[in-house]
């Protein structure tokens, strides 16, 4: 699997659209779907996750919205499917205090 080639054909699930609307921007469904599709097509940061079957596509500025999209191959459809969308900055979801800061609690 070539991680730099998401493929021309992929499907954005309703769940992914909803997650985009909740986590990234409260746009209308059709607009959110278009933003997700455009972001994935323009992204250059594409990685295969350790399971070997999931792609993580990360959009970055100057694209209007930063997000990470996760795609898996759907055998029934015959192409990839966007399963969910999360914020683009991983530090947003992983703000952990250092171990020495926890000791004072």
Protein backbone atom coordinates (compact mmCIF):
# COMPACT_ATOMS: atom_id res chain seq x y z
CA UNK A 1 0.00 0.00 0.00
CA UNK A 2 1.44 3.34 -1.03
CA UNK A 3 0.64 5.81 1.76
CA UNK A 4 1.20 8.80 -0.50
CA UNK A 5 -1.66 7.67 -2.73
CA UNK A 6 -4.99 7.70 -0.92
CA UNK A 7 -6.68 6.81 -4.16
CA UNK A 8 -9.11 8.64 -6.34
CA UNK A 9 -12.16 6.96 -4.92
CA UNK A 10 -13.14 7.01 -1.26
CA UNK A 11 -16.40 7.38 0.66
CA UNK A 12 -16.93 9.77 3.57
CA UNK A 13 -19.22 8.13 6.13
CA UNK A 14 -22.01 10.08 7.84
CA UNK A 15 -20.18 9.43 11.13
CA UNK A 16 -17.05 11.14 9.78
CA UNK A 17 -19.11 14.14 8.67
CA UNK A 18 -20.76 14.38 12.09
CA UNK A 19 -17.40 14.16 13.85
CA UNK A 20 -16.03 16.90 11.59
CA UNK A 21 -19.01 19.10 12.44
CA UNK A 22 -18.61 18.50 16.19
CA UNK A 23 -14.82 18.59 16.44
CA UNK A 24 -13.65 20.92 13.69
CA UNK A 25 -16.33 23.25 12.28
CA UNK A 26 -20.15 23.35 12.48
CA UNK A 27 -20.73 23.45 8.71
CA UNK A 28 -23.71 22.12 6.78
CA UNK A 29 -23.42 18.43 5.91
CA UNK A 30 -22.73 18.94 2.20
CA UNK A 31 -20.13 21.63 2.88
CA UNK A 32 -18.43 19.54 5.59
CA UNK A 33 -18.30 16.53 3.25
CA UNK A 34 -16.71 18.68 0.51
CA UNK A 35 -14.13 20.10 2.94
CA UNK A 36 -13.20 16.58 4.07
CA UNK A 37 -12.89 15.35 0.47
CA UNK A 38 -10.80 18.37 -0.59
CA UNK A 39 -8.58 18.10 2.47
CA UNK A 40 -7.85 14.42 1.86
CA UNK A 41 -7.15 14.99 -1.84
CA UNK A 42 -4.75 17.87 -1.12
CA UNK A 43 -2.96 16.30 1.86
CA UNK A 44 0.68 15.32 1.57
CA UNK A 45 0.99 13.85 5.08
CA UNK A 46 -0.37 10.31 4.71
CA UNK A 47 0.78 7.43 6.92
CA UNK A 48 -0.06 3.77 7.26
CA UNK A 49 -0.84 2.90 10.87
CA UNK A 50 0.77 -0.13 12.55
CA UNK A 51 -2.23 -2.36 11.74
CA UNK A 52 -1.18 -2.07 8.07
CA UNK A 53 -4.73 -1.42 6.90
CA UNK A 54 -5.57 2.08 8.15
CA UNK A 55 -4.38 5.32 6.59
CA UNK A 56 -4.06 8.51 8.63
CA UNK A 57 -4.32 11.60 6.47
CA UNK A 58 -3.33 14.88 8.10
CA UNK A 59 -4.24 18.24 6.61
CA UNK A 60 -2.22 21.33 7.45
CA UNK A 61 -2.32 25.03 6.75
CA UNK A 62 -2.84 26.76 4.31
CA UNK A 63 -5.84 24.43 4.00
CA UNK A 64 -8.65 26.19 5.92
CA UNK A 65 -9.16 23.38 8.47
CA UNK A 66 -6.59 21.18 10.17
CA UNK A 67 -7.78 17.65 10.84
CA UNK A 68 -6.77 14.01 10.75
CA UNK A 69 -8.90 11.60 8.72
CA UNK A 70 -8.72 7.84 9.18
CA UNK A 71 -9.43 5.65 6.16
CA UNK A 72 -9.83 1.88 5.89
CA UNK A 73 -10.37 -0.29 2.85
CA UNK A 74 -13.95 -1.57 2.56
CA UNK A 75 -14.01 -4.84 0.58
CA UNK A 76 -17.75 -4.58 -0.15
CA UNK A 77 -17.40 -1.10 -1.63
CA UNK A 78 -14.08 -1.86 -3.28
CA UNK A 79 -12.43 1.35 -2.10
CA UNK A 80 -11.39 3.24 1.02
CA UNK A 81 -13.84 4.69 3.53
CA UNK A 82 -13.28 7.67 5.84
CA UNK A 83 -14.29 6.30 9.23
CA UNK A 84 -13.68 9.29 11.50
CA UNK A 85 -12.20 12.77 11.79
CA UNK A 86 -10.21 14.17 14.71
CA UNK A 87 -8.45 17.46 15.38
CA UNK A 88 -5.29 18.04 13.37
CA UNK A 89 -3.04 18.97 16.27
CA UNK A 90 -2.29 15.79 18.19
CA UNK A 91 -1.16 17.84 21.19
CA UNK A 92 -4.77 18.91 21.66
CA UNK A 93 -5.80 15.36 22.51
CA UNK A 94 -2.62 14.44 24.39
CA UNK A 95 -2.07 17.20 26.92
CA UNK A 96 -0.50 15.21 29.73
CA UNK A 97 1.17 16.68 32.75
CA UNK A 98 4.68 15.57 33.40
CA UNK A 99 5.18 12.92 36.06
CA UNK A 100 6.83 15.36 38.52
CA UNK A 101 3.82 17.72 38.25
CA UNK A 102 1.44 14.90 39.24
CA UNK A 103 3.33 14.25 42.49
CA UNK A 104 2.06 17.52 43.97
CA UNK A 105 -1.62 16.54 43.63
